[in-house]
Amino acid sequence: MTSITTKDGVQIFYKDWGPKSAQPIVFHHGWPLSSDDWESQMLFFVGKGYRAIAHDRRGHGRSSQVSDGHDMDHYASDAAAVVEQLDLRNAIHVGHSPGGGEAARYVGRCGKDRVAKLVLIGAVPPLMLKTDTNPAGLSIEVFDDLRNQLAANRAQFYLDFASGPFYGYNRPGAKASQAVIWNWWRQGMMGSAKAHYDGIKAFSETDFSEDLRKITVPTLVLHGDDDQIVPCADSAPFSAKLLKRSTLKIYEKLPHGLCTTHADVVNAELLSFMAS
């Protein structure tokens, strides 16, 4: 198994596909998934001559199921460890959902000299939680409910989550793919319940505003306007405003899991941005 070991002794699994001499694309996955969630994008971009790298966040997928460190600072540090071990330069970082927060923190704090561009897809920045300074956010009760469902019956919760709001399969007329649902469930159940439980706090309560302000590379912000997990109106436009060099693309009627349900649309948009 291909992995690196972080300074605090955590093994981080990663995939590294394509020519080592090609421009690297680093993919940061969403909650509670793994690098497997990027297969449609990784295969596509390797076919276009890029080098595609994706890692499993600590506590997720095939990485160590450690008890601690399930916060955005550790996530970004772990991503940096992979980048440095592989000596990736001129890289394009692509993050989905909490992976977008991880990528933003990495680029804002760790990776300025190694990064060419950034893509945030259905991403959690700037801040999901409703606060006095973020009145448009979601109430803490929303995230408490996620934690309660996970603790009560994680297997059923993950099945319901994938069968419904994640891919928009709960919308009238939607045609659900059972294979996609079970693949989501498989990835989720591979990881640690403790990591996933703690990760809810990490992705909902972390304020990425300062990270976004520090980012100077061109950044593409993609979001579906029917995202039931990370509401578009409360995230993407605000992130685009905080970024210095942003392009905002909002897709009509697309769900949170658009990288899977509409991989052709997303891949074409990414390719155009990366080649520009």
C-alpha atoms as a PDB file:
ATOM      1  CA  MET A   1       0.000   0.000   0.000  1.00  0.00           C
ATOM      2  CA  THR A   2       1.334   3.414  -0.979  1.00  0.00           C
ATOM      3  CA  SER A   3       1.467   5.776   1.999  1.00  0.00           C
ATOM      4  CA  ILE A   4       3.481   8.406   3.799  1.00  0.00           C
ATOM      5  CA  THR A   5       3.938   8.821   7.535  1.00  0.00           C
ATOM      6  CA  THR A   6       3.287  12.242   9.063  1.00  0.00           C
ATOM      7  CA  LYS A   7       5.333  13.843  11.826  1.00  0.00           C
ATOM      8  CA  ASP A   8       2.805  12.630  14.398  1.00  0.00           C
ATOM      9  CA  GLY A   9       3.000   9.051  13.134  1.00  0.00           C
ATOM     10  CA  VAL A  10      -0.159   8.855  11.006  1.00  0.00           C
ATOM     11  CA  GLN A  11      -0.055   6.789   7.832  1.00  0.00           C
ATOM     12  CA  ILE A  12      -1.747   8.610   4.945  1.00  0.00           C
ATOM     13  CA  PHE A  13      -2.692   6.450   1.970  1.00  0.00           C
ATOM     14  CA  TYR A  14      -2.476   8.034  -1.470  1.00  0.00           C
ATOM     15  CA  LYS A  15      -2.868   7.242  -5.173  1.00  0.00           C
ATOM     16  CA  ASP A  16      -0.416   8.611  -7.723  1.00  0.00           C
ATOM     17  CA  TRP A  17      -1.410   8.019 -11.338  1.00  0.00           C
ATOM     18  CA  GLY A  18       0.091   9.239 -14.585  1.00  0.00           C
ATOM     19  CA  PRO A  19       3.525  10.452 -15.723  1.00  0.00           C
ATOM     20  CA  LYS A  20       5.715  11.795 -12.920  1.00  0.00           C
ATOM     21  CA  SER A  21       6.872  14.553 -15.280  1.00  0.00           C
ATOM     22  CA  ALA A  22       3.317  15.811 -15.951  1.00  0.00           C
ATOM     23  CA  GLN A  23       1.619  18.703 -14.175  1.00  0.00           C
ATOM     24  CA  PRO A  24       0.106  17.310 -10.956  1.00  0.00           C
ATOM     25  CA  ILE A  25      -3.508  17.635  -9.877  1.00  0.00           C
ATOM     26  CA  VAL A  26      -4.109  16.966  -6.184  1.00  0.00           C
ATOM     27  CA  PHE A  27      -7.653  15.933  -5.242  1.00  0.00           C
ATOM     28  CA  HIS A  28      -9.069  16.458  -1.726  1.00  0.00           C
ATOM     29  CA  HIS A  29     -12.141  14.316  -0.990  1.00  0.00           C
ATOM     30  CA  GLY A  30     -15.340  15.088   0.898  1.00  0.00           C
ATOM     31  CA  TRP A  31     -16.888  13.730   4.111  1.00  0.00           C
ATOM     32  CA  PRO A  32     -16.911  10.827   5.017  1.00  0.00           C
ATOM     33  CA  LEU A  33     -15.428   9.414   1.826  1.00  0.00           C
ATOM     34  CA  SER A  34     -11.983   8.583   0.438  1.00  0.00           C
ATOM     35  CA  SER A  35      -9.782   9.128  -2.579  1.00  0.00           C
ATOM     36  CA  ASP A  36     -11.974   6.594  -4.402  1.00  0.00           C
ATOM     37  CA  ASP A  37     -14.591   9.313  -4.806  1.00  0.00           C
ATOM     38  CA  TRP A  38     -12.341  11.012  -7.384  1.00  0.00           C
ATOM     39  CA  GLU A  39     -11.964   8.072  -9.784  1.00  0.00           C
ATOM     40  CA  SER A  40     -14.040   9.687 -12.557  1.00  0.00           C
ATOM     41  CA  GLN A  41     -11.837  12.777 -12.429  1.00  0.00           C
ATOM     42  CA  MET A  42      -8.521  10.953 -11.979  1.00  0.00           C
ATOM     43  CA  LEU A  43      -9.070   8.630 -14.946  1.00  0.00           C
ATOM     44  CA  PHE A  44     -10.182  11.545 -17.106  1.00  0.00           C
ATOM     45  CA  PHE A  45      -7.200  13.758 -16.339  1.00  0.00           C
ATOM     46  CA  VAL A  46      -4.614  10.999 -16.592  1.00  0.00           C
ATOM     47  CA  GLY A  47      -6.068  10.432 -20.043  1.00  0.00           C
ATOM     48  CA  LYS A  48      -5.459  14.104 -20.779  1.00  0.00           C
ATOM     49  CA  GLY A  49      -1.786  13.852 -19.851  1.00  0.00           C
ATOM     50  CA  TYR A  50      -1.888  15.101 -16.262  1.00  0.00           C
ATOM     51  CA  ARG A  51      -0.559  13.412 -13.126  1.00  0.00           C
ATOM     52  CA  ALA A  52      -3.418  12.706 -10.678  1.00  0.00           C
ATOM     53  CA  ILE A  53      -2.855  12.358  -6.929  1.00  0.00           C
ATOM     54  CA  ALA A  54      -5.451  11.785  -4.217  1.00  0.00           C
ATOM     55  CA  HIS A  55      -5.060  10.819  -0.581  1.00  0.00           C
ATOM     56  CA  ASP A  56      -7.352   9.428   2.107  1.00  0.00           C
ATOM     57  CA  ARG A  57      -7.733  11.925   4.927  1.00  0.00           C
ATOM     58  CA  ARG A  58      -6.636  10.674   8.353  1.00  0.00           C
ATOM     59  CA  GLY A  59      -9.333   8.418   9.774  1.00  0.00           C
ATOM     60  CA  HIS A  60     -10.849   7.930   6.319  1.00  0.00           C
ATOM     61  CA  GLY A  61     -10.457   5.160   3.753  1.00  0.00           C
ATOM     62  CA  ARG A  62      -7.157   3.309   4.095  1.00  0.00           C
ATOM     63  CA  SER A  63      -5.343   5.897   6.226  1.00  0.00           C
ATOM     64  CA  SER A  64      -4.691   5.359   9.944  1.00  0.00           C
ATOM     65  CA  GLN A  65      -7.763   5.371  12.174  1.00  0.00           C
ATOM     66  CA  VAL A  66      -6.186   7.543  14.836  1.00  0.00           C
ATOM     67  CA  SER A  67      -8.204   9.037  17.675  1.00  0.00           C
ATOM     68  CA  ASP A  68      -6.985  12.617  17.385  1.00  0.00           C
ATOM     69  CA  GLY A  69      -6.174  15.313  14.854  1.00  0.00           C
ATOM     70  CA  HIS A  70      -9.525  15.450  13.078  1.00  0.00           C
ATOM     71  CA  ASP A  71      -9.430  19.173  12.407  1.00  0.00           C
ATOM     72  CA  MET A  72      -8.585  21.376   9.443  1.00  0.00           C
ATOM     73  CA  ASP A  73      -5.086  22.246  10.641  1.00  0.00           C
ATOM     74  CA  HIS A  74      -4.110  18.572  10.761  1.00  0.00           C
ATOM     75  CA  TYR A  75      -5.910  17.855   7.486  1.00  0.00           C
ATOM     76  CA  ALA A  76      -3.954  20.600   5.724  1.00  0.00           C
ATOM     77  CA  SER A  77      -0.702  19.472   7.337  1.00  0.00           C
ATOM     78  CA  ASP A  78      -1.319  15.891   6.197  1.00  0.00           C
ATOM     79  CA  ALA A  79      -1.967  17.092   2.642  1.00  0.00           C
ATOM     80  CA  ALA A  80       1.258  19.092   2.812  1.00  0.00           C
ATOM     81  CA  ALA A  81       3.147  15.972   3.907  1.00  0.00           C
ATOM     82  CA  VAL A  82       1.939  14.108   0.813  1.00  0.00           C
ATOM     83  CA  VAL A  83       2.832  17.025  -1.454  1.00  0.00           C
ATOM     84  CA  GLU A  84       6.296  17.375   0.046  1.00  0.00           C
ATOM     85  CA  GLN A  85       7.015  13.627  -0.002  1.00  0.00           C
ATOM     86  CA  LEU A  86       6.170  13.521  -3.719  1.00  0.00           C
ATOM     87  CA  ASP A  87       7.846  16.924  -4.278  1.00  0.00           C
ATOM     88  CA  LEU A  88       4.852  18.201  -6.242  1.00  0.00           C
ATOM     89  CA  ARG A  89       5.298  21.611  -7.841  1.00  0.00           C
ATOM     90  CA  ASN A  90       3.116  23.784 -10.057  1.00  0.00           C
ATOM     91  CA  ALA A  91       0.202  21.715  -8.770  1.00  0.00           C
ATOM     92  CA  ILE A  92      -3.513  22.272  -9.228  1.00  0.00           C
ATOM     93  CA  HIS A  93      -5.497  21.496  -6.081  1.00  0.00           C
ATOM     94  CA  VAL A  94      -9.133  20.424  -6.328  1.00  0.00           C
ATOM     95  CA  GLY A  95     -11.299  20.066  -3.220  1.00  0.00           C
ATOM     96  CA  HIS A  96     -14.889  18.937  -2.789  1.00  0.00           C
ATOM     97  CA  SER A  97     -17.049  19.730   0.256  1.00  0.00           C
ATOM     98  CA  PRO A  98     -14.776  19.544   3.386  1.00  0.00           C
ATOM     99  CA  GLY A  99     -11.987  18.718   0.955  1.00  0.00           C
ATOM    100  CA  GLY A 100     -12.461  22.238  -0.351  1.00  0.00           C
ATOM    101  CA  GLY A 101     -11.847  23.557   3.141  1.00  0.00           C
ATOM    102  CA  GLU A 102      -8.763  21.367   3.477  1.00  0.00           C
ATOM    103  CA  ALA A 103      -7.452  22.564   0.113  1.00  0.00           C
ATOM    104  CA  ALA A 104      -8.129  26.211   0.944  1.00  0.00           C
ATOM    105  CA  ARG A 105      -6.294  25.938   4.259  1.00  0.00           C
ATOM    106  CA  TYR A 106      -3.388  24.118   2.606  1.00  0.00           C
ATOM    107  CA  VAL A 107      -3.041  26.663  -0.202  1.00  0.00           C
ATOM    108  CA  GLY A 108      -3.561  29.637   2.121  1.00  0.00           C
ATOM    109  CA  ARG A 109      -1.089  28.528   4.768  1.00  0.00           C
ATOM    110  CA  CYS A 110       1.256  25.844   3.473  1.00  0.00           C
ATOM    111  CA  GLY A 111       1.523  25.567  -0.249  1.00  0.00           C
ATOM    112  CA  LYS A 112       1.950  28.962  -1.844  1.00  0.00           C
ATOM    113  CA  ASP A 113       5.239  28.134  -3.553  1.00  0.00           C
ATOM    114  CA  ARG A 114       4.000  24.794  -4.919  1.00  0.00           C
ATOM    115  CA  VAL A 115       0.521  25.705  -6.175  1.00  0.00           C
ATOM    116  CA  ALA A 116      -0.525  26.922  -9.620  1.00  0.00           C
ATOM    117  CA  LYS A 117      -4.319  26.942  -9.277  1.00  0.00           C
ATOM    118  CA  LEU A 118      -7.142  25.965  -6.927  1.00  0.00           C
ATOM    119  CA  VAL A 119     -10.651  24.587  -7.514  1.00  0.00           C
ATOM    120  CA  LEU A 120     -13.386  24.531  -4.868  1.00  0.00           C
ATOM    121  CA  ILE A 121     -16.394  22.316  -5.685  1.00  0.00           C
ATOM    122  CA  GLY A 122     -19.474  22.325  -3.454  1.00  0.00           C
ATOM    123  CA  ALA A 123     -17.033  23.455  -0.804  1.00  0.00           C
ATOM    124  CA  VAL A 124     -17.694  24.366   2.829  1.00  0.00           C
ATOM    125  CA  PRO A 125     -15.833  27.727   2.953  1.00  0.00           C
ATOM    126  CA  PRO A 126     -16.120  30.390   4.130  1.00  0.00           C
ATOM    127  CA  LEU A 127     -18.134  29.071   7.141  1.00  0.00           C
ATOM    128  CA  MET A 128     -21.108  26.722   7.347  1.00  0.00           C
ATOM    129  CA  LEU A 129     -22.233  27.394  10.919  1.00  0.00           C
ATOM    130  CA  LYS A 130     -24.642  30.207  11.726  1.00  0.00           C
ATOM    131  CA  THR A 131     -23.013  32.739  14.064  1.00  0.00           C
ATOM    132  CA  ASP A 132     -23.497  36.385  14.971  1.00  0.00           C
ATOM    133  CA  THR A 133     -21.081  37.326  12.197  1.00  0.00           C
ATOM    134  CA  ASN A 134     -22.401  34.666   9.794  1.00  0.00           C
ATOM    135  CA  PRO A 135     -26.201  34.916  10.066  1.00  0.00           C
ATOM    136  CA  ALA A 136     -26.743  33.121   6.736  1.00  0.00           C
ATOM    137  CA  GLY A 137     -25.213  29.888   8.016  1.00  0.00           C
ATOM    138  CA  LEU A 138     -26.878  26.688   9.215  1.00  0.00           C
ATOM    139  CA  SER A 139     -27.884  26.309  12.866  1.00  0.00           C
ATOM    140  CA  ILE A 140     -25.859  24.122  15.217  1.00  0.00           C
ATOM    141  CA  GLU A 141     -28.899  21.837  15.487  1.00  0.00           C
ATOM    142  CA  VAL A 142     -28.341  20.718  11.869  1.00  0.00           C
ATOM    143  CA  PHE A 143     -24.878  19.433  12.726  1.00  0.00           C
ATOM    144  CA  ASP A 144     -25.962  18.017  16.088  1.00  0.00           C
ATOM    145  CA  ASP A 145     -28.536  15.977  14.191  1.00  0.00           C
ATOM    146  CA  LEU A 146     -25.813  14.592  11.904  1.00  0.00           C
ATOM    147  CA  ARG A 147     -23.763  13.579  14.936  1.00  0.00           C
ATOM    148  CA  ASN A 148     -26.756  11.980  16.628  1.00  0.00           C
ATOM    149  CA  GLN A 149     -27.645   9.933  13.552  1.00  0.00           C
ATOM    150  CA  LEU A 150     -24.046   8.819  13.095  1.00  0.00           C
ATOM    151  CA  ALA A 151     -23.748   7.736  16.718  1.00  0.00           C
ATOM    152  CA  ALA A 152     -27.106   5.931  16.728  1.00  0.00           C
ATOM    153  CA  ASN A 153     -26.746   3.871  13.526  1.00  0.00           C
ATOM    154  CA  ARG A 154     -23.919   4.894  11.237  1.00  0.00           C
ATOM    155  CA  ALA A 155     -24.607   2.234   8.605  1.00  0.00           C
ATOM    156  CA  GLN A 156     -28.247   3.251   8.174  1.00  0.00           C
ATOM    157  CA  PHE A 157     -27.442   6.959   8.332  1.00  0.00           C
ATOM    158  CA  TYR A 158     -24.888   6.656   5.539  1.00  0.00           C
ATOM    159  CA  LEU A 159     -27.263   4.628   3.398  1.00  0.00           C
ATOM    160  CA  ASP A 160     -30.006   7.231   3.823  1.00  0.00           C
ATOM    161  CA  PHE A 161     -27.609  10.114   3.198  1.00  0.00           C
ATOM    162  CA  ALA A 162     -26.359   8.690  -0.093  1.00  0.00           C
ATOM    163  CA  SER A 163     -29.835   7.593  -1.163  1.00  0.00           C
ATOM    164  CA  GLY A 164     -31.253  11.058  -0.595  1.00  0.00           C
ATOM    165  CA  PRO A 165     -29.756  14.540  -0.343  1.00  0.00           C
ATOM    166  CA  PHE A 166     -26.105  13.921  -1.274  1.00  0.00           C
ATOM    167  CA  TYR A 167     -26.831  13.097  -4.908  1.00  0.00           C
ATOM    168  CA  GLY A 168     -30.258  14.712  -5.066  1.00  0.00           C
ATOM    169  CA  TYR A 169     -31.916  11.319  -5.376  1.00  0.00           C
ATOM    170  CA  ASN A 170     -34.735  12.566  -3.131  1.00  0.00           C
ATOM    171  CA  ARG A 171     -35.862  15.054  -5.793  1.00  0.00           C
ATOM    172  CA  PRO A 172     -39.007  14.305  -7.847  1.00  0.00           C
ATOM    173  CA  GLY A 173     -38.124  12.414 -11.003  1.00  0.00           C
ATOM    174  CA  ALA A 174     -34.542  11.671  -9.952  1.00  0.00           C
ATOM    175  CA  LYS A 175     -33.183   8.315 -11.109  1.00  0.00           C
ATOM    176  CA  ALA A 176     -31.080   6.866  -8.343  1.00  0.00           C
ATOM    177  CA  SER A 177     -28.113   4.633  -9.090  1.00  0.00           C
ATOM    178  CA  GLN A 178     -27.909   1.860  -6.518  1.00  0.00           C
ATOM    179  CA  ALA A 179     -24.276   1.247  -7.474  1.00  0.00           C
ATOM    180  CA  VAL A 180     -23.399   4.879  -6.719  1.00  0.00           C
ATOM    181  CA  ILE A 181     -25.272   4.712  -3.409  1.00  0.00           C
ATOM    182  CA  TRP A 182     -23.503   1.540  -2.308  1.00  0.00           C
ATOM    183  CA  ASN A 183     -20.114   2.866  -3.404  1.00  0.00           C
ATOM    184  CA  TRP A 184     -20.674   5.954  -1.221  1.00  0.00           C
ATOM    185  CA  TRP A 185     -21.716   3.683   1.655  1.00  0.00           C
ATOM    186  CA  ARG A 186     -18.675   1.447   1.132  1.00  0.00           C
ATOM    187  CA  GLN A 187     -16.301   4.383   1.303  1.00  0.00           C
ATOM    188  CA  GLY A 188     -17.959   5.789   4.394  1.00  0.00           C
ATOM    189  CA  MET A 189     -17.949   2.512   6.289  1.00  0.00           C
ATOM    190  CA  MET A 190     -14.242   1.983   5.539  1.00  0.00           C
ATOM    191  CA  GLY A 191     -13.398   4.951   7.723  1.00  0.00           C
ATOM    192  CA  SER A 192     -13.444   5.574  11.454  1.00  0.00           C
ATOM    193  CA  ALA A 193     -16.680   6.567  13.184  1.00  0.00           C
ATOM    194  CA  LYS A 194     -14.610   8.713  15.562  1.00  0.00           C
ATOM    195  CA  ALA A 195     -12.945  10.567  12.694  1.00  0.00           C
ATOM    196  CA  HIS A 196     -16.263  11.122  10.942  1.00  0.00           C
ATOM    197  CA  TYR A 197     -17.962  12.292  14.145  1.00  0.00           C
ATOM    198  CA  ASP A 198     -15.178  14.772  14.932  1.00  0.00           C
ATOM    199  CA  GLY A 199     -15.015  15.778  11.278  1.00  0.00           C
ATOM    200  CA  ILE A 200     -18.519  17.243  11.440  1.00  0.00           C
ATOM    201  CA  LYS A 201     -17.242  19.904  13.817  1.00  0.00           C
ATOM    202  CA  ALA A 202     -14.193  20.478  11.618  1.00  0.00           C
ATOM    203  CA  PHE A 203     -16.142  21.125   8.431  1.00  0.00           C
ATOM    204  CA  SER A 204     -19.034  23.042  10.009  1.00  0.00           C
ATOM    205  CA  GLU A 205     -17.353  25.293  12.554  1.00  0.00           C
ATOM    206  CA  THR A 206     -14.062  26.204  10.855  1.00  0.00           C
ATOM    207  CA  ASP A 207     -13.952  29.741   9.474  1.00  0.00           C
ATOM    208  CA  PHE A 208     -11.877  29.807   6.268  1.00  0.00           C
ATOM    209  CA  SER A 209     -12.247  33.522   5.588  1.00  0.00           C
ATOM    210  CA  GLU A 210      -8.626  34.375   6.329  1.00  0.00           C
ATOM    211  CA  ASP A 211      -7.379  31.393   4.330  1.00  0.00           C
ATOM    212  CA  LEU A 212      -9.349  32.572   1.308  1.00  0.00           C
ATOM    213  CA  ARG A 213      -8.019  36.125   1.653  1.00  0.00           C
ATOM    214  CA  LYS A 214      -4.431  34.816   1.603  1.00  0.00           C
ATOM    215  CA  ILE A 215      -4.854  32.827  -1.598  1.00  0.00           C
ATOM    216  CA  THR A 216      -3.347  34.562  -4.621  1.00  0.00           C
ATOM    217  CA  VAL A 217      -3.531  31.844  -7.277  1.00  0.00           C
ATOM    218  CA  PRO A 218      -6.412  31.684  -9.804  1.00  0.00           C
ATOM    219  CA  THR A 219      -9.322  29.861  -8.167  1.00  0.00           C
ATOM    220  CA  LEU A 220     -12.406  28.333  -9.719  1.00  0.00           C
ATOM    221  CA  VAL A 221     -15.445  28.117  -7.433  1.00  0.00           C
ATOM    222  CA  LEU A 222     -18.029  25.565  -8.652  1.00  0.00           C
ATOM    223  CA  HIS A 223     -21.343  24.820  -6.996  1.00  0.00           C
ATOM    224  CA  GLY A 224     -24.723  23.300  -7.806  1.00  0.00           C
ATOM    225  CA  ASP A 225     -27.652  25.518  -6.933  1.00  0.00           C
ATOM    226  CA  ASP A 226     -29.598  22.469  -5.687  1.00  0.00           C
ATOM    227  CA  ASP A 227     -26.893  21.483  -3.201  1.00  0.00           C
ATOM    228  CA  GLN A 228     -28.757  20.204  -0.127  1.00  0.00           C
ATOM    229  CA  ILE A 229     -25.598  19.607   1.925  1.00  0.00           C
ATOM    230  CA  VAL A 230     -23.645  22.853   1.491  1.00  0.00           C
ATOM    231  CA  PRO A 231     -26.220  25.456   0.435  1.00  0.00           C
ATOM    232  CA  CYS A 232     -24.857  27.350  -2.535  1.00  0.00           C
ATOM    233  CA  ALA A 233     -26.135  30.800  -1.601  1.00  0.00           C
ATOM    234  CA  ASP A 234     -24.390  30.631   1.776  1.00  0.00           C
ATOM    235  CA  SER A 235     -20.999  29.534   0.470  1.00  0.00           C
ATOM    236  CA  ALA A 236     -19.809  29.866  -3.123  1.00  0.00           C
ATOM    237  CA  PRO A 237     -20.596  33.579  -3.737  1.00  0.00           C
ATOM    238  CA  PHE A 238     -19.034  34.557  -0.415  1.00  0.00           C
ATOM    239  CA  SER A 239     -15.890  32.532  -1.130  1.00  0.00           C
ATOM    240  CA  ALA A 240     -15.579  34.079  -4.571  1.00  0.00           C
ATOM    241  CA  LYS A 241     -15.728  37.562  -3.051  1.00  0.00           C
ATOM    242  CA  LEU A 242     -12.987  36.804  -0.526  1.00  0.00           C
ATOM    243  CA  LEU A 243     -10.623  35.319  -3.097  1.00  0.00           C
ATOM    244  CA  LYS A 244      -8.326  37.653  -5.007  1.00  0.00           C
ATOM    245  CA  ARG A 245      -8.540  35.882  -8.386  1.00  0.00           C
ATOM    246  CA  SER A 246     -11.783  33.920  -8.506  1.00  0.00           C
ATOM    247  CA  THR A 247     -14.106  32.605 -11.191  1.00  0.00           C
ATOM    248  CA  LEU A 248     -17.567  31.644  -9.947  1.00  0.00           C
ATOM    249  CA  LYS A 249     -19.612  28.993 -11.785  1.00  0.00           C
ATOM    250  CA  ILE A 250     -23.025  27.974 -10.425  1.00  0.00           C
ATOM    251  CA  TYR A 251     -24.780  25.060 -12.101  1.00  0.00           C
ATOM    252  CA  GLU A 252     -28.553  25.037 -12.252  1.00  0.00           C
ATOM    253  CA  LYS A 253     -30.272  22.086 -10.516  1.00  0.00           C
ATOM    254  CA  LEU A 254     -27.051  20.180  -9.817  1.00  0.00           C
ATOM    255  CA  PRO A 255     -26.630  18.395  -6.433  1.00  0.00           C
ATOM    256  CA  HIS A 256     -23.832  18.239  -3.913  1.00  0.00           C
ATOM    257  CA  GLY A 257     -22.414  15.049  -5.431  1.00  0.00           C
ATOM    258  CA  LEU A 258     -22.120  16.611  -8.883  1.00  0.00           C
ATOM    259  CA  CYS A 259     -18.620  15.218  -9.486  1.00  0.00           C
ATOM    260  CA  THR A 260     -20.267  11.804  -9.760  1.00  0.00           C
ATOM    261  CA  THR A 261     -23.738  12.546 -11.106  1.00  0.00           C
ATOM    262  CA  HIS A 262     -22.463  15.040 -13.687  1.00  0.00           C
ATOM    263  CA  ALA A 263     -18.824  14.053 -14.104  1.00  0.00           C
ATOM    264  CA  ASP A 264     -18.841  15.008 -17.784  1.00  0.00           C
ATOM    265  CA  VAL A 265     -19.911  18.579 -16.993  1.00  0.00           C
ATOM    266  CA  VAL A 266     -17.474  18.964 -14.107  1.00  0.00           C
ATOM    267  CA  ASN A 267     -14.525  17.409 -15.952  1.00  0.00           C
ATOM    268  CA  ALA A 268     -15.019  19.654 -18.973  1.00  0.00           C
ATOM    269  CA  GLU A 269     -15.185  22.747 -16.744  1.00  0.00           C
ATOM    270  CA  LEU A 270     -12.066  21.722 -14.855  1.00  0.00           C
ATOM    271  CA  LEU A 271     -10.157  20.982 -18.034  1.00  0.00           C
ATOM    272  CA  SER A 272     -11.011  24.387 -19.478  1.00  0.00           C
ATOM    273  CA  PHE A 273      -9.870  26.133 -16.281  1.00  0.00           C
ATOM    274  CA  MET A 274      -6.684  24.105 -15.968  1.00  0.00           C
ATOM    275  CA  ALA A 275      -5.688  24.686 -19.578  1.00  0.00           C
ATOM    276  CA  SER A 276      -6.339  28.441 -19.461  1.00  0.00           C
END
